[in-house]
Amino acid sequence: MPNLFTDLPHCPKQSESFETLLSCKNITIERIVSASFHNGEWLKQKHDEWVVLLQGDAELECFRRRITLHSGDYLFIPAHEEHRVLRTSEKALWLAVH
């Protein structure tokens, strides 16, 4: 049985690893591991996205403000909403649904 917290990929500093866990019909679920990430690029996606931070801390810039997330916090980002990751703690673990 797979587990979200095991077999995490190694990420070099300032990078993220994306793993698709499920993709069918209109839904994709990804596991994202961040490695002490700082000042990411601005994103504007064509799809809605719901993310939950499973472990670690993160700070995003979204909705024209800074948002701090801790383990268990989640956020809905509508399609075409410009956003970016400002920073994450080492081995921050996310689950993204879009």
PDB file of N, CA and C in Angstrom:
ATOM      1  N   MET A   1       0.850  -1.173   0.000  1.00  0.00           N
ATOM      2  CA  MET A   1       0.000   0.000   0.000  1.00  0.00           C
ATOM      3  C   MET A   1       0.900   1.241   0.000  1.00  0.00           C
ATOM      4  N   PRO A   2       0.739   2.133  -0.975  1.00  0.00           N
ATOM      5  CA  PRO A   2       1.543   3.363  -1.015  1.00  0.00           C
ATOM      6  C   PRO A   2       1.264   4.264   0.192  1.00  0.00           C
ATOM      7  N   ASN A   3       2.256   5.079   0.543  1.00  0.00           N
ATOM      8  CA  ASN A   3       2.137   6.009   1.661  1.00  0.00           C
ATOM      9  C   ASN A   3       2.706   7.353   1.226  1.00  0.00           C
ATOM     10  N   LEU A   4       1.980   8.446   1.476  1.00  0.00           N
ATOM     11  CA  LEU A   4       2.406   9.787   1.060  1.00  0.00           C
ATOM     12  C   LEU A   4       3.719  10.226   1.698  1.00  0.00           C
ATOM     13  N   PHE A   5       4.037   9.696   2.879  1.00  0.00           N
ATOM     14  CA  PHE A   5       5.188  10.167   3.641  1.00  0.00           C
ATOM     15  C   PHE A   5       6.442   9.318   3.454  1.00  0.00           C
ATOM     16  N   THR A   6       6.361   8.251   2.679  1.00  0.00           N
ATOM     17  CA  THR A   6       7.537   7.396   2.487  1.00  0.00           C
ATOM     18  C   THR A   6       8.083   7.534   1.072  1.00  0.00           C
ATOM     19  N   ASP A   7       9.314   7.131   0.912  1.00  0.00           N
ATOM     20  CA  ASP A   7       9.987   7.166  -0.393  1.00  0.00           C
ATOM     21  C   ASP A   7       9.931   8.548  -1.035  1.00  0.00           C
ATOM     22  N   LEU A   8      10.182   9.579  -0.224  1.00  0.00           N
ATOM     23  CA  LEU A   8      10.194  10.940  -0.762  1.00  0.00           C
ATOM     24  C   LEU A   8      11.432  11.114  -1.638  1.00  0.00           C
ATOM     25  N   PRO A   9      11.264  11.723  -2.812  1.00  0.00           N
ATOM     26  CA  PRO A   9      12.421  11.929  -3.685  1.00  0.00           C
ATOM     27  C   PRO A   9      13.375  12.953  -3.105  1.00  0.00           C
ATOM     28  N   HIS A  10      14.646  12.817  -3.435  1.00  0.00           N
ATOM     29  CA  HIS A  10      15.645  13.813  -3.038  1.00  0.00           C
ATOM     30  C   HIS A  10      15.526  15.010  -3.972  1.00  0.00           C
ATOM     31  N   CYS A  11      15.481  16.191  -3.399  1.00  0.00           N
ATOM     32  CA  CYS A  11      15.415  17.422  -4.201  1.00  0.00           C
ATOM     33  C   CYS A  11      16.632  18.279  -3.894  1.00  0.00           C
ATOM     34  N   PRO A  12      17.339  18.713  -4.927  1.00  0.00           N
ATOM     35  CA  PRO A  12      18.407  19.680  -4.688  1.00  0.00           C
ATOM     36  C   PRO A  12      17.814  20.978  -4.150  1.00  0.00           C
ATOM     37  N   LYS A  13      18.610  21.772  -3.456  1.00  0.00           N
ATOM     38  CA  LYS A  13      18.150  23.067  -2.946  1.00  0.00           C
ATOM     39  C   LYS A  13      17.488  23.864  -4.053  1.00  0.00           C
ATOM     40  N   GLN A  14      16.520  24.661  -3.672  1.00  0.00           N
ATOM     41  CA  GLN A  14      15.811  25.535  -4.608  1.00  0.00           C
ATOM     42  C   GLN A  14      15.053  24.775  -5.697  1.00  0.00           C
ATOM     43  N   SER A  15      14.585  23.570  -5.403  1.00  0.00           N
ATOM     44  CA  SER A  15      13.843  22.834  -6.418  1.00  0.00           C
ATOM     45  C   SER A  15      12.625  22.154  -5.803  1.00  0.00           C
ATOM     46  N   GLU A  16      11.793  21.640  -6.674  1.00  0.00           N
ATOM     47  CA  GLU A  16      10.615  20.898  -6.256  1.00  0.00           C
ATOM     48  C   GLU A  16      10.511  19.639  -7.102  1.00  0.00           C
ATOM     49  N   SER A  17       9.927  18.604  -6.523  1.00  0.00           N
ATOM     50  CA  SER A  17       9.694  17.354  -7.230  1.00  0.00           C
ATOM     51  C   SER A  17       8.186  17.126  -7.303  1.00  0.00           C
ATOM     52  N   PHE A  18       7.688  16.826  -8.494  1.00  0.00           N
ATOM     53  CA  PHE A  18       6.262  16.591  -8.713  1.00  0.00           C
ATOM     54  C   PHE A  18       6.052  15.131  -9.101  1.00  0.00           C
ATOM     55  N   GLU A  19       5.111  14.474  -8.430  1.00  0.00           N
ATOM     56  CA  GLU A  19       4.789  13.082  -8.743  1.00  0.00           C
ATOM     57  C   GLU A  19       3.274  12.963  -8.884  1.00  0.00           C
ATOM     58  N   THR A  20       2.814  12.537 -10.040  1.00  0.00           N
ATOM     59  CA  THR A  20       1.383  12.341 -10.247  1.00  0.00           C
ATOM     60  C   THR A  20       0.963  11.038  -9.580  1.00  0.00           C
ATOM     61  N   LEU A  21       0.016  11.143  -8.650  1.00  0.00           N
ATOM     62  CA  LEU A  21      -0.478   9.966  -7.943  1.00  0.00           C
ATOM     63  C   LEU A  21      -1.708   9.391  -8.630  1.00  0.00           C
ATOM     64  N   LEU A  22      -2.500  10.270  -9.245  1.00  0.00           N
ATOM     65  CA  LEU A  22      -3.718   9.837  -9.926  1.00  0.00           C
ATOM     66  C   LEU A  22      -4.048  10.839 -11.018  1.00  0.00           C
ATOM     67  N   SER A  23      -4.394  10.339 -12.186  1.00  0.00           N
ATOM     68  CA  SER A  23      -4.849  11.196 -13.270  1.00  0.00           C
ATOM     69  C   SER A  23      -5.936  10.447 -14.028  1.00  0.00           C
ATOM     70  N   CYS A  24      -7.156  10.945 -13.929  1.00  0.00           N
ATOM     71  CA  CYS A  24      -8.262  10.321 -14.642  1.00  0.00           C
ATOM     72  C   CYS A  24      -9.362  11.352 -14.874  1.00  0.00           C
ATOM     73  N   LYS A  25     -10.017  11.227 -16.012  1.00  0.00           N
ATOM     74  CA  LYS A  25     -11.073  12.157 -16.411  1.00  0.00           C
ATOM     75  C   LYS A  25     -10.650  13.595 -16.183  1.00  0.00           C
ATOM     76  N   ASN A  26     -11.302  14.332 -15.277  1.00  0.00           N
ATOM     77  CA  ASN A  26     -10.988  15.755 -15.072  1.00  0.00           C
ATOM     78  C   ASN A  26     -10.190  16.017 -13.801  1.00  0.00           C
ATOM     79  N   ILE A  27      -9.491  15.046 -13.267  1.00  0.00           N
ATOM     80  CA  ILE A  27      -8.792  15.284 -11.996  1.00  0.00           C
ATOM     81  C   ILE A  27      -7.367  14.746 -12.050  1.00  0.00           C
ATOM     82  N   THR A  28      -6.461  15.530 -11.467  1.00  0.00           N
ATOM     83  CA  THR A  28      -5.081  15.093 -11.282  1.00  0.00           C
ATOM     84  C   THR A  28      -4.708  15.367  -9.830  1.00  0.00           C
ATOM     85  N   ILE A  29      -4.100  14.388  -9.198  1.00  0.00           N
ATOM     86  CA  ILE A  29      -3.619  14.541  -7.817  1.00  0.00           C
ATOM     87  C   ILE A  29      -2.110  14.343  -7.848  1.00  0.00           C
ATOM     88  N   GLU A  30      -1.388  15.325  -7.294  1.00  0.00           N
ATOM     89  CA  GLU A  30       0.073  15.286  -7.290  1.00  0.00           C
ATOM     90  C   GLU A  30       0.623  15.369  -5.871  1.00  0.00           C
ATOM     91  N   ARG A  31       1.734  14.685  -5.660  1.00  0.00           N
ATOM     92  CA  ARG A  31       2.526  14.863  -4.443  1.00  0.00           C
ATOM     93  C   ARG A  31       3.693  15.751  -4.848  1.00  0.00           C
ATOM     94  N   ILE A  32       3.901  16.825  -4.079  1.00  0.00           N
ATOM     95  CA  ILE A  32       4.977  17.772  -4.357  1.00  0.00           C
ATOM     96  C   ILE A  32       5.896  17.836  -3.142  1.00  0.00           C
ATOM     97  N   VAL A  33       7.192  17.696  -3.374  1.00  0.00           N
ATOM     98  CA  VAL A  33       8.192  17.837  -2.311  1.00  0.00           C
ATOM     99  C   VAL A  33       9.036  19.062  -2.658  1.00  0.00           C
ATOM    100  N   SER A  34       9.159  19.988  -1.709  1.00  0.00           N
ATOM    101  CA  SER A  34       9.955  21.203  -1.897  1.00  0.00           C
ATOM    102  C   SER A  34      11.194  21.133  -1.016  1.00  0.00           C
ATOM    103  N   ALA A  35      12.316  21.640  -1.522  1.00  0.00           N
ATOM    104  CA  ALA A  35      13.577  21.621  -0.777  1.00  0.00           C
ATOM    105  C   ALA A  35      14.059  23.042  -0.515  1.00  0.00           C
ATOM    106  N   SER A  36      13.751  23.572   0.652  1.00  0.00           N
ATOM    107  CA  SER A  36      14.178  24.931   1.027  1.00  0.00           C
ATOM    108  C   SER A  36      14.048  25.881  -0.147  1.00  0.00           C
ATOM    109  N   PHE A  37      12.876  25.950  -0.663  1.00  0.00           N
ATOM    110  CA  PHE A  37      12.576  26.713  -1.862  1.00  0.00           C
ATOM    111  C   PHE A  37      12.434  28.185  -1.516  1.00  0.00           C
ATOM    112  N   HIS A  38      12.964  29.077  -2.366  1.00  0.00           N
ATOM    113  CA  HIS A  38      12.866  30.521  -2.143  1.00  0.00           C
ATOM    114  C   HIS A  38      12.564  31.244  -3.450  1.00  0.00           C
ATOM    115  N   ASN A  39      11.626  32.193  -3.378  1.00  0.00           N
ATOM    116  CA  ASN A  39      11.316  33.103  -4.493  1.00  0.00           C
ATOM    117  C   ASN A  39      11.087  32.398  -5.823  1.00  0.00           C
ATOM    118  N   GLY A  40      10.044  31.601  -5.855  1.00  0.00           N
ATOM    119  CA  GLY A  40       9.681  30.902  -7.078  1.00  0.00           C
ATOM    120  C   GLY A  40       9.123  31.827  -8.147  1.00  0.00           C
ATOM    121  N   GLU A  41       8.971  31.279  -9.325  1.00  0.00           N
ATOM    122  CA  GLU A  41       8.443  32.031 -10.455  1.00  0.00           C
ATOM    123  C   GLU A  41       6.939  32.231 -10.308  1.00  0.00           C
ATOM    124  N   TRP A  42       6.446  33.294 -10.927  1.00  0.00           N
ATOM    125  CA  TRP A  42       5.009  33.546 -10.959  1.00  0.00           C
ATOM    126  C   TRP A  42       4.351  32.500 -11.854  1.00  0.00           C
ATOM    127  N   LEU A  43       3.217  31.979 -11.384  1.00  0.00           N
ATOM    128  CA  LEU A  43       2.447  30.993 -12.136  1.00  0.00           C
ATOM    129  C   LEU A  43       1.047  31.532 -12.383  1.00  0.00           C
ATOM    130  N   LYS A  44       0.483  31.180 -13.514  1.00  0.00           N
ATOM    131  CA  LYS A  44      -0.904  31.497 -13.837  1.00  0.00           C
ATOM    132  C   LYS A  44      -1.421  30.292 -14.604  1.00  0.00           C
ATOM    133  N   GLN A  45      -2.106  29.403 -13.898  1.00  0.00           N
ATOM    134  CA  GLN A  45      -2.512  28.120 -14.459  1.00  0.00           C
ATOM    135  C   GLN A  45      -3.889  28.199 -15.101  1.00  0.00           C
ATOM    136  N   LYS A  46      -4.125  27.312 -16.054  1.00  0.00           N
ATOM    137  CA  LYS A  46      -5.402  27.280 -16.767  1.00  0.00           C
ATOM    138  C   LYS A  46      -6.483  26.519 -15.997  1.00  0.00           C
ATOM    139  N   HIS A  47      -6.117  25.936 -14.871  1.00  0.00           N
ATOM    140  CA  HIS A  47      -7.063  25.110 -14.114  1.00  0.00           C
ATOM    141  C   HIS A  47      -7.104  25.541 -12.649  1.00  0.00           C
ATOM    142  N   ASP A  48      -8.208  25.245 -11.989  1.00  0.00           N
ATOM    143  CA  ASP A  48      -8.302  25.443 -10.538  1.00  0.00           C
ATOM    144  C   ASP A  48      -7.331  24.486  -9.860  1.00  0.00           C
ATOM    145  N   GLU A  49      -6.872  24.881  -8.666  1.00  0.00           N
ATOM    146  CA  GLU A  49      -5.967  24.012  -7.905  1.00  0.00           C
ATOM    147  C   GLU A  49      -6.282  24.154  -6.424  1.00  0.00           C
ATOM    148  N   TRP A  50      -6.365  23.001  -5.760  1.00  0.00           N
ATOM    149  CA  TRP A  50      -6.524  22.957  -4.304  1.00  0.00           C
ATOM    150  C   TRP A  50      -5.261  22.293  -3.778  1.00  0.00           C
ATOM    151  N   VAL A  51      -4.569  22.961  -2.839  1.00  0.00           N
ATOM    152  CA  VAL A  51      -3.348  22.400  -2.262  1.00  0.00           C
ATOM    153  C   VAL A  51      -3.467  22.327  -0.750  1.00  0.00           C
ATOM    154  N   VAL A  52      -2.875  21.293  -0.184  1.00  0.00           N
ATOM    155  CA  VAL A  52      -2.764  21.171   1.271  1.00  0.00           C
ATOM    156  C   VAL A  52      -1.292  20.920   1.584  1.00  0.00           C
ATOM    157  N   LEU A  53      -0.790  21.612   2.593  1.00  0.00           N
ATOM    158  CA  LEU A  53       0.585  21.406   3.047  1.00  0.00           C
ATOM    159  C   LEU A  53       0.545  20.333   4.125  1.00  0.00           C
ATOM    160  N   LEU A  54       1.085  19.163   3.827  1.00  0.00           N
ATOM    161  CA  LEU A  54       1.032  18.031   4.750  1.00  0.00           C
ATOM    162  C   LEU A  54       2.102  18.096   5.832  1.00  0.00           C
ATOM    163  N   GLN A  55       3.276  18.610   5.461  1.00  0.00           N
ATOM    164  CA  GLN A  55       4.338  18.777   6.467  1.00  0.00           C
ATOM    165  C   GLN A  55       5.211  19.951   6.067  1.00  0.00           C
ATOM    166  N   GLY A  56       5.733  20.629   7.086  1.00  0.00           N
ATOM    167  CA  GLY A  56       6.597  21.781   6.851  1.00  0.00           C
ATOM    168  C   GLY A  56       5.844  23.095   6.908  1.00  0.00           C
ATOM    169  N   ASP A  57       6.512  24.140   6.452  1.00  0.00           N
ATOM    170  CA  ASP A  57       5.957  25.492   6.421  1.00  0.00           C
ATOM    171  C   ASP A  57       6.209  26.079   5.042  1.00  0.00           C
ATOM    172  N   ALA A  58       5.359  27.018   4.657  1.00  0.00           N
ATOM    173  CA  ALA A  58       5.524  27.661   3.355  1.00  0.00           C
ATOM    174  C   ALA A  58       4.913  29.053   3.396  1.00  0.00           C
ATOM    175  N   GLU A  59       5.395  29.887   2.503  1.00  0.00           N
ATOM    176  CA  GLU A  59       4.822  31.221   2.329  1.00  0.00           C
ATOM    177  C   GLU A  59       4.591  31.420   0.837  1.00  0.00           C
ATOM    178  N   LEU A  60       3.372  31.822   0.495  1.00  0.00           N
ATOM    179  CA  LEU A  60       2.993  32.053  -0.892  1.00  0.00           C
ATOM    180  C   LEU A  60       2.592  33.500  -1.078  1.00  0.00           C
ATOM    181  N   GLU A  61       2.661  33.954  -2.305  1.00  0.00           N
ATOM    182  CA  GLU A  61       2.097  35.235  -2.668  1.00  0.00           C
ATOM    183  C   GLU A  61       0.947  34.922  -3.619  1.00  0.00           C
ATOM    184  N   CYS A  62      -0.258  35.268  -3.181  1.00  0.00           N
ATOM    185  CA  CYS A  62      -1.468  34.930  -3.920  1.00  0.00           C
ATOM    186  C   CYS A  62      -2.565  35.904  -3.501  1.00  0.00           C
ATOM    187  N   PHE A  63      -3.454  36.222  -4.388  1.00  0.00           N
ATOM    188  CA  PHE A  63      -4.537  37.168  -4.094  1.00  0.00           C
ATOM    189  C   PHE A  63      -3.981  38.530  -3.649  1.00  0.00           C
ATOM    190  N   ARG A  64      -2.801  38.874  -4.204  1.00  0.00           N
ATOM    191  CA  ARG A  64      -2.118  40.146  -3.911  1.00  0.00           C
ATOM    192  C   ARG A  64      -1.731  40.313  -2.442  1.00  0.00           C
ATOM    193  N   ARG A  65      -1.469  39.179  -1.780  1.00  0.00           N
ATOM    194  CA  ARG A  65      -1.003  39.237  -0.389  1.00  0.00           C
ATOM    195  C   ARG A  65      -0.136  38.021  -0.100  1.00  0.00           C
ATOM    196  N   ARG A  66       0.592  38.103   1.007  1.00  0.00           N
ATOM    197  CA  ARG A  66       1.413  36.976   1.462  1.00  0.00           C
ATOM    198  C   ARG A  66       0.557  36.070   2.340  1.00  0.00           C
ATOM    199  N   ILE A  67       0.693  34.773   2.115  1.00  0.00           N
ATOM    200  CA  ILE A  67      -0.069  33.781   2.871  1.00  0.00           C
ATOM    201  C   ILE A  67       0.914  32.781   3.461  1.00  0.00           C
ATOM    202  N   THR A  68       0.884  32.609   4.766  1.00  0.00           N
ATOM    203  CA  THR A  68       1.748  31.645   5.442  1.00  0.00           C
ATOM    204  C   THR A  68       0.949  30.374   5.705  1.00  0.00           C
ATOM    205  N   LEU A  69       1.530  29.249   5.336  1.00  0.00           N
ATOM    206  CA  LEU A  69       0.896  27.946   5.546  1.00  0.00           C
ATOM    207  C   LEU A  69       1.754  27.098   6.476  1.00  0.00           C
ATOM    208  N   HIS A  70       1.083  26.344   7.331  1.00  0.00           N
ATOM    209  CA  HIS A  70       1.724  25.379   8.220  1.00  0.00           C
ATOM    210  C   HIS A  70       1.091  24.013   7.953  1.00  0.00           C
ATOM    211  N   SER A  71       1.672  22.969   8.479  1.00  0.00           N
ATOM    212  CA  SER A  71       1.146  21.618   8.265  1.00  0.00           C
ATOM    213  C   SER A  71      -0.355  21.584   8.515  1.00  0.00           C
ATOM    214  N   GLY A  72      -1.080  21.055   7.536  1.00  0.00           N
ATOM    215  CA  GLY A  72      -2.530  20.934   7.644  1.00  0.00           C
ATOM    216  C   GLY A  72      -3.304  22.071   6.996  1.00  0.00           C
ATOM    217  N   ASP A  73      -2.649  23.183   6.703  1.00  0.00           N
ATOM    218  CA  ASP A  73      -3.332  24.311   6.057  1.00  0.00           C
ATOM    219  C   ASP A  73      -3.543  24.009   4.580  1.00  0.00           C
ATOM    220  N   TYR A  74      -4.663  24.474   4.052  1.00  0.00           N
ATOM    221  CA  TYR A  74      -4.951  24.273   2.632  1.00  0.00           C
ATOM    222  C   TYR A  74      -5.445  25.561   2.003  1.00  0.00           C
ATOM    223  N   LEU A  75      -5.411  25.580   0.666  1.00  0.00           N
ATOM    224  CA  LEU A  75      -5.714  26.799  -0.076  1.00  0.00           C
ATOM    225  C   LEU A  75      -6.307  26.420  -1.427  1.00  0.00           C
ATOM    226  N   PHE A  76      -7.338  27.142  -1.842  1.00  0.00           N
ATOM    227  CA  PHE A  76      -7.910  26.984  -3.179  1.00  0.00           C
ATOM    228  C   PHE A  76      -7.415  28.136  -4.041  1.00  0.00           C
ATOM    229  N   ILE A  77      -6.819  27.816  -5.166  1.00  0.00           N
ATOM    230  CA  ILE A  77      -6.304  28.823  -6.100  1.00  0.00           C
ATOM    231  C   ILE A  77      -7.103  28.692  -7.399  1.00  0.00           C
ATOM    232  N   PRO A  78      -7.962  29.665  -7.694  1.00  0.00           N
ATOM    233  CA  PRO A  78      -8.764  29.583  -8.922  1.00  0.00           C
ATOM    234  C   PRO A  78      -7.898  29.667 -10.183  1.00  0.00           C
ATOM    235  N   ALA A  79      -8.419  29.143 -11.270  1.00  0.00           N
ATOM    236  CA  ALA A  79      -7.734  29.227 -12.561  1.00  0.00           C
ATOM    237  C   ALA A  79      -7.401  30.679 -12.868  1.00  0.00           C
ATOM    238  N   HIS A  80      -6.233  30.891 -13.468  1.00  0.00           N
ATOM    239  CA  HIS A  80      -5.749  32.198 -13.921  1.00  0.00           C
ATOM    240  C   HIS A  80      -5.382  33.158 -12.787  1.00  0.00           C
ATOM    241  N   GLU A  81      -5.375  32.695 -11.540  1.00  0.00           N
ATOM    242  CA  GLU A  81      -4.939  33.534 -10.408  1.00  0.00           C
ATOM    243  C   GLU A  81      -3.413  33.493 -10.350  1.00  0.00           C
ATOM    244  N   GLU A  82      -2.771  34.643 -10.517  1.00  0.00           N
ATOM    245  CA  GLU A  82      -1.314  34.703 -10.488  1.00  0.00           C
ATOM    246  C   GLU A  82      -0.837  34.437  -9.048  1.00  0.00           C
ATOM    247  N   HIS A  83       0.134  33.536  -8.913  1.00  0.00           N
ATOM    248  CA  HIS A  83       0.639  33.176  -7.585  1.00  0.00           C
ATOM    249  C   HIS A  83       2.061  32.643  -7.700  1.00  0.00           C
ATOM    250  N   ARG A  84       2.751  32.609  -6.563  1.00  0.00           N
ATOM    251  CA  ARG A  84       4.091  32.022  -6.516  1.00  0.00           C
ATOM    252  C   ARG A  84       4.402  31.586  -5.090  1.00  0.00           C
ATOM    253  N   VAL A  85       5.336  30.646  -4.986  1.00  0.00           N
ATOM    254  CA  VAL A  85       5.848  30.191  -3.696  1.00  0.00           C
ATOM    255  C   VAL A  85       7.020  31.097  -3.340  1.00  0.00           C
ATOM    256  N   LEU A  86       6.934  31.751  -2.196  1.00  0.00           N
ATOM    257  CA  LEU A  86       8.024  32.627  -1.742  1.00  0.00           C
ATOM    258  C   LEU A  86       9.110  31.843  -1.021  1.00  0.00           C
ATOM    259  N   ARG A  87       8.687  30.873  -0.197  1.00  0.00           N
ATOM    260  CA  ARG A  87       9.667  30.053   0.518  1.00  0.00           C
ATOM    261  C   ARG A  87       8.984  28.812   1.078  1.00  0.00           C
ATOM    262  N   THR A  88       9.775  27.768   1.274  1.00  0.00           N
ATOM    263  CA  THR A  88       9.304  26.570   1.968  1.00  0.00           C
ATOM    264  C   THR A  88      10.400  26.094   2.916  1.00  0.00           C
ATOM    265  N   SER A  89      10.003  25.334   3.900  1.00  0.00           N
ATOM    266  CA  SER A  89      10.986  24.681   4.761  1.00  0.00           C
ATOM    267  C   SER A  89      11.549  23.465   4.022  1.00  0.00           C
ATOM    268  N   GLU A  90      12.614  22.913   4.550  1.00  0.00           N
ATOM    269  CA  GLU A  90      13.231  21.714   3.964  1.00  0.00           C
ATOM    270  C   GLU A  90      12.221  20.571   3.962  1.00  0.00           C
ATOM    271  N   LYS A  91      12.110  19.880   2.847  1.00  0.00           N
ATOM    272  CA  LYS A  91      11.219  18.730   2.671  1.00  0.00           C
ATOM    273  C   LYS A  91       9.750  19.057   2.969  1.00  0.00           C
ATOM    274  N   ALA A  92       9.321  20.237   2.582  1.00  0.00           N
ATOM    275  CA  ALA A  92       7.889  20.546   2.670  1.00  0.00           C
ATOM    276  C   ALA A  92       7.150  19.583   1.740  1.00  0.00           C
ATOM    277  N   LEU A  93       6.043  19.064   2.212  1.00  0.00           N
ATOM    278  CA  LEU A  93       5.287  18.060   1.460  1.00  0.00           C
ATOM    279  C   LEU A  93       3.873  18.561   1.208  1.00  0.00           C
ATOM    280  N   TRP A  94       3.490  18.583  -0.054  1.00  0.00           N
ATOM    281  CA  TRP A  94       2.193  19.103  -0.496  1.00  0.00           C
ATOM    282  C   TRP A  94       1.398  17.997  -1.188  1.00  0.00           C
ATOM    283  N   LEU A  95       0.091  18.179  -1.182  1.00  0.00           N
ATOM    284  CA  LEU A  95      -0.795  17.408  -2.017  1.00  0.00           C
ATOM    285  C   LEU A  95      -1.594  18.421  -2.834  1.00  0.00           C
ATOM    286  N   ALA A  96      -1.561  18.276  -4.152  1.00  0.00           N
ATOM    287  CA  ALA A  96      -2.257  19.223  -5.035  1.00  0.00           C
ATOM    288  C   ALA A  96      -3.313  18.469  -5.833  1.00  0.00           C
ATOM    289  N   VAL A  97      -4.489  19.068  -5.909  1.00  0.00           N
ATOM    290  CA  VAL A  97      -5.590  18.488  -6.679  1.00  0.00           C
ATOM    291  C   VAL A  97      -6.017  19.514  -7.709  1.00  0.00           C
ATOM    292  N   HIS A  98      -5.995  19.121  -8.980  1.00  0.00           N
ATOM    293  CA  HIS A  98      -6.466  20.016 -10.049  1.00  0.00           C
ATOM    294  C   HIS A  98      -7.095  19.214 -11.152  1.00  0.00           C
TER     295      HIS A  98
END
